Amino acid sequence: MIDSNYIKIYTGELIIVQRIISELEKLDIIPVLKDQTDSGLLPIFGTSNTIFKQVYVHKDEIEKATPIIESITTELKD
């Protein structure tokens, strides 16, 4: 998303991304998701079943979204 009005705010596992989306939607922020997996490039051996997603928000909403991300990621570290 080069030269985009959207900014990446989080990359991680689907379950956490779903929680982030839920919290952002409570603030009337509709995030854009990007799937980090590309099955065509993964080798058959040593693959992970973990699906990573990237969460983007419009640059005008970054100030409202940042505290949500910080809260959830801090909670996960504890």
N, C-alpha and C. Protein backbone atom coordinates (compact mmCIF):
# COMPACT_ATOMS: atom_id res chain seq x y z
N MET A 1 0.83 -1.19 0.00
CA MET A 1 0.00 0.00 0.00
C MET A 1 0.87 1.25 0.00
N ILE A 2 1.73 1.35 -0.95
CA ILE A 2 2.59 2.52 -1.08
C ILE A 2 1.75 3.70 -1.56
N ASP A 3 2.06 4.89 -1.06
CA ASP A 3 1.32 6.10 -1.39
C ASP A 3 -0.18 5.92 -1.13
N SER A 4 -0.48 5.36 -0.01
CA SER A 4 -1.87 5.09 0.35
C SER A 4 -2.30 6.00 1.48
N ASN A 5 -3.58 6.10 1.63
CA ASN A 5 -4.13 6.84 2.76
C ASN A 5 -4.30 5.95 3.97
N TYR A 6 -3.85 4.70 3.86
CA TYR A 6 -3.98 3.75 4.95
C TYR A 6 -2.62 3.43 5.57
N ILE A 7 -2.63 3.23 6.88
CA ILE A 7 -1.41 2.97 7.63
C ILE A 7 -1.56 1.63 8.35
N LYS A 8 -0.50 0.81 8.26
CA LYS A 8 -0.52 -0.48 8.95
C LYS A 8 -0.34 -0.24 10.44
N ILE A 9 -1.25 -0.82 11.23
CA ILE A 9 -1.16 -0.63 12.68
C ILE A 9 -0.87 -1.92 13.43
N TYR A 10 -1.02 -3.07 12.76
CA TYR A 10 -0.77 -4.32 13.45
C TYR A 10 -0.60 -5.45 12.45
N THR A 11 0.29 -6.39 12.78
CA THR A 11 0.44 -7.64 12.05
C THR A 11 0.48 -8.75 13.08
N GLY A 12 -0.38 -9.75 12.91
CA GLY A 12 -0.38 -10.83 13.87
C GLY A 12 -1.38 -11.91 13.55
N GLU A 13 -1.60 -12.76 14.55
CA GLU A 13 -2.48 -13.91 14.39
C GLU A 13 -3.94 -13.49 14.27
N LEU A 14 -4.68 -14.32 13.57
CA LEU A 14 -6.08 -14.03 13.26
C LEU A 14 -6.93 -13.77 14.50
N ILE A 15 -6.75 -14.52 15.55
CA ILE A 15 -7.58 -14.36 16.74
C ILE A 15 -7.40 -12.97 17.37
N ILE A 16 -6.17 -12.49 17.37
CA ILE A 16 -5.90 -11.16 17.93
C ILE A 16 -6.43 -10.08 17.00
N VAL A 17 -6.26 -10.30 15.71
CA VAL A 17 -6.77 -9.36 14.72
C VAL A 17 -8.28 -9.22 14.84
N GLN A 18 -8.97 -10.32 15.07
CA GLN A 18 -10.42 -10.26 15.23
C GLN A 18 -10.81 -9.42 16.44
N ARG A 19 -10.05 -9.54 17.49
CA ARG A 19 -10.33 -8.71 18.69
C ARG A 19 -10.08 -7.24 18.39
N ILE A 20 -8.99 -6.95 17.68
CA ILE A 20 -8.68 -5.57 17.32
C ILE A 20 -9.79 -4.99 16.45
N ILE A 21 -10.25 -5.76 15.49
CA ILE A 21 -11.32 -5.30 14.61
C ILE A 21 -12.57 -4.98 15.43
N SER A 22 -12.90 -5.85 16.35
CA SER A 22 -14.08 -5.63 17.19
C SER A 22 -13.97 -4.33 17.97
N GLU A 23 -12.81 -4.09 18.56
CA GLU A 23 -12.60 -2.87 19.35
C GLU A 23 -12.61 -1.63 18.46
N LEU A 24 -12.02 -1.72 17.27
CA LEU A 24 -12.00 -0.57 16.37
C LEU A 24 -13.41 -0.24 15.88
N GLU A 25 -14.20 -1.26 15.60
CA GLU A 25 -15.56 -1.03 15.12
C GLU A 25 -16.42 -0.36 16.19
N LYS A 26 -16.11 -0.58 17.45
CA LYS A 26 -16.83 0.11 18.53
C LYS A 26 -16.62 1.62 18.45
N LEU A 27 -15.48 2.03 17.85
CA LEU A 27 -15.17 3.45 17.68
C LEU A 27 -15.53 3.94 16.28
N ASP A 28 -16.32 3.13 15.55
CA ASP A 28 -16.71 3.45 14.17
C ASP A 28 -15.52 3.56 13.22
N ILE A 29 -14.50 2.75 13.48
CA ILE A 29 -13.35 2.64 12.58
C ILE A 29 -13.47 1.31 11.85
N ILE A 30 -13.48 1.38 10.53
CA ILE A 30 -13.56 0.17 9.73
C ILE A 30 -12.16 -0.11 9.17
N PRO A 31 -11.47 -1.12 9.71
CA PRO A 31 -10.11 -1.41 9.26
C PRO A 31 -10.10 -2.17 7.93
N VAL A 32 -8.95 -2.13 7.29
CA VAL A 32 -8.71 -2.90 6.08
C VAL A 32 -7.74 -4.02 6.46
N LEU A 33 -8.04 -5.24 6.04
CA LEU A 33 -7.20 -6.39 6.37
C LEU A 33 -6.45 -6.87 5.14
N LYS A 34 -5.22 -7.31 5.38
CA LYS A 34 -4.41 -7.89 4.32
C LYS A 34 -3.86 -9.21 4.84
N ASP A 35 -4.00 -10.24 4.06
CA ASP A 35 -3.54 -11.57 4.43
C ASP A 35 -2.05 -11.67 4.15
N GLN A 36 -1.26 -12.08 5.15
CA GLN A 36 0.19 -12.18 5.02
C GLN A 36 0.63 -13.49 4.39
N THR A 37 -0.24 -14.46 4.27
CA THR A 37 0.17 -15.75 3.73
C THR A 37 0.06 -15.74 2.22
N ASP A 38 0.93 -16.48 1.58
CA ASP A 38 0.90 -16.66 0.14
C ASP A 38 1.26 -18.11 -0.11
N SER A 39 0.24 -18.95 -0.15
CA SER A 39 0.47 -20.39 -0.19
C SER A 39 1.30 -20.82 -1.39
N GLY A 40 1.31 -20.06 -2.45
CA GLY A 40 2.10 -20.42 -3.62
C GLY A 40 3.59 -20.32 -3.39
N LEU A 41 3.99 -19.60 -2.37
CA LEU A 41 5.42 -19.42 -2.11
C LEU A 41 5.92 -20.20 -0.91
N LEU A 42 5.03 -20.89 -0.20
CA LEU A 42 5.43 -21.63 0.99
C LEU A 42 5.93 -23.02 0.59
N PRO A 43 7.05 -23.44 1.15
CA PRO A 43 7.49 -24.81 0.89
C PRO A 43 6.57 -25.80 1.61
N ILE A 44 6.54 -27.02 1.15
CA ILE A 44 5.69 -28.03 1.77
C ILE A 44 6.17 -28.37 3.17
N PHE A 45 7.46 -28.41 3.39
CA PHE A 45 8.00 -28.75 4.70
C PHE A 45 8.16 -27.50 5.55
N GLY A 46 8.00 -27.67 6.85
CA GLY A 46 8.25 -26.57 7.79
C GLY A 46 7.24 -25.46 7.75
N THR A 47 6.05 -25.70 7.23
CA THR A 47 5.06 -24.63 7.19
C THR A 47 4.34 -24.54 8.53
N SER A 48 3.76 -23.42 8.74
CA SER A 48 3.01 -23.17 9.96
C SER A 48 1.54 -23.00 9.61
N ASN A 49 0.67 -23.43 10.49
CA ASN A 49 -0.75 -23.24 10.28
C ASN A 49 -1.21 -21.86 10.74
N THR A 50 -0.32 -21.08 11.29
CA THR A 50 -0.65 -19.75 11.76
C THR A 50 -0.90 -18.83 10.57
N ILE A 51 -2.01 -18.15 10.60
CA ILE A 51 -2.34 -17.22 9.53
C ILE A 51 -2.13 -15.81 10.07
N PHE A 52 -1.25 -15.07 9.42
CA PHE A 52 -0.98 -13.70 9.84
C PHE A 52 -1.76 -12.73 8.98
N LYS A 53 -2.30 -11.74 9.63
CA LYS A 53 -3.06 -10.68 8.96
C LYS A 53 -2.44 -9.34 9.32
N GLN A 54 -2.56 -8.42 8.40
CA GLN A 54 -2.15 -7.05 8.66
C GLN A 54 -3.40 -6.20 8.76
N VAL A 55 -3.40 -5.29 9.72
CA VAL A 55 -4.55 -4.40 9.93
C VAL A 55 -4.11 -2.99 9.57
N TYR A 56 -4.89 -2.37 8.69
CA TYR A 56 -4.65 -1.00 8.26
C TYR A 56 -5.84 -0.14 8.65
N VAL A 57 -5.58 1.12 8.98
CA VAL A 57 -6.65 2.08 9.20
C VAL A 57 -6.34 3.33 8.39
N HIS A 58 -7.38 4.09 8.11
CA HIS A 58 -7.19 5.34 7.37
C HIS A 58 -6.36 6.28 8.22
N LYS A 59 -5.49 7.04 7.56
CA LYS A 59 -4.57 7.92 8.31
C LYS A 59 -5.31 8.94 9.17
N ASP A 60 -6.54 9.28 8.82
CA ASP A 60 -7.31 10.22 9.64
C ASP A 60 -7.81 9.59 10.94
N GLU A 61 -7.75 8.26 11.04
CA GLU A 61 -8.25 7.56 12.22
C GLU A 61 -7.13 6.98 13.08
N ILE A 62 -5.89 7.23 12.72
CA ILE A 62 -4.76 6.62 13.42
C ILE A 62 -4.71 7.03 14.89
N GLU A 63 -5.05 8.25 15.20
CA GLU A 63 -5.00 8.71 16.59
C GLU A 63 -6.02 7.99 17.46
N LYS A 64 -7.18 7.67 16.90
CA LYS A 64 -8.20 6.93 17.65
C LYS A 64 -7.85 5.45 17.75
N ALA A 65 -7.17 4.91 16.75
CA ALA A 65 -6.87 3.48 16.70
C ALA A 65 -5.64 3.10 17.55
N THR A 66 -4.68 3.97 17.65
CA THR A 66 -3.43 3.65 18.34
C THR A 66 -3.63 3.20 19.79
N PRO A 67 -4.44 3.88 20.60
CA PRO A 67 -4.63 3.41 21.99
C PRO A 67 -5.22 2.00 22.07
N ILE A 68 -6.07 1.64 21.12
CA ILE A 68 -6.65 0.29 21.10
C ILE A 68 -5.55 -0.74 20.89
N ILE A 69 -4.70 -0.50 19.91
CA ILE A 69 -3.61 -1.44 19.60
C ILE A 69 -2.67 -1.54 20.78
N GLU A 70 -2.30 -0.41 21.36
CA GLU A 70 -1.39 -0.42 22.51
C GLU A 70 -1.99 -1.18 23.68
N SER A 71 -3.26 -0.99 23.94
CA SER A 71 -3.93 -1.67 25.04
C SER A 71 -3.93 -3.18 24.85
N ILE A 72 -4.29 -3.63 23.66
CA ILE A 72 -4.37 -5.06 23.40
C ILE A 72 -2.99 -5.70 23.40
N THR A 73 -2.00 -5.08 22.79
CA THR A 73 -0.66 -5.67 22.75
C THR A 73 -0.01 -5.66 24.12
N THR A 74 -0.28 -4.65 24.94
CA THR A 74 0.25 -4.62 26.30
C THR A 74 -0.38 -5.73 27.13
N GLU A 75 -1.67 -5.92 26.97
CA GLU A 75 -2.38 -6.98 27.69
C GLU A 75 -1.82 -8.35 27.33
N LEU A 76 -1.45 -8.55 26.08
CA LEU A 76 -0.91 -9.83 25.63
C LEU A 76 0.47 -10.12 26.22
N LYS A 77 1.22 -9.08 26.51
CA LYS A 77 2.57 -9.24 27.07
C LYS A 77 2.53 -9.64 28.54
N ASP A 78 1.44 -9.29 29.22
CA ASP A 78 1.34 -9.56 30.66
C ASP A 78 0.99 -10.98 30.96
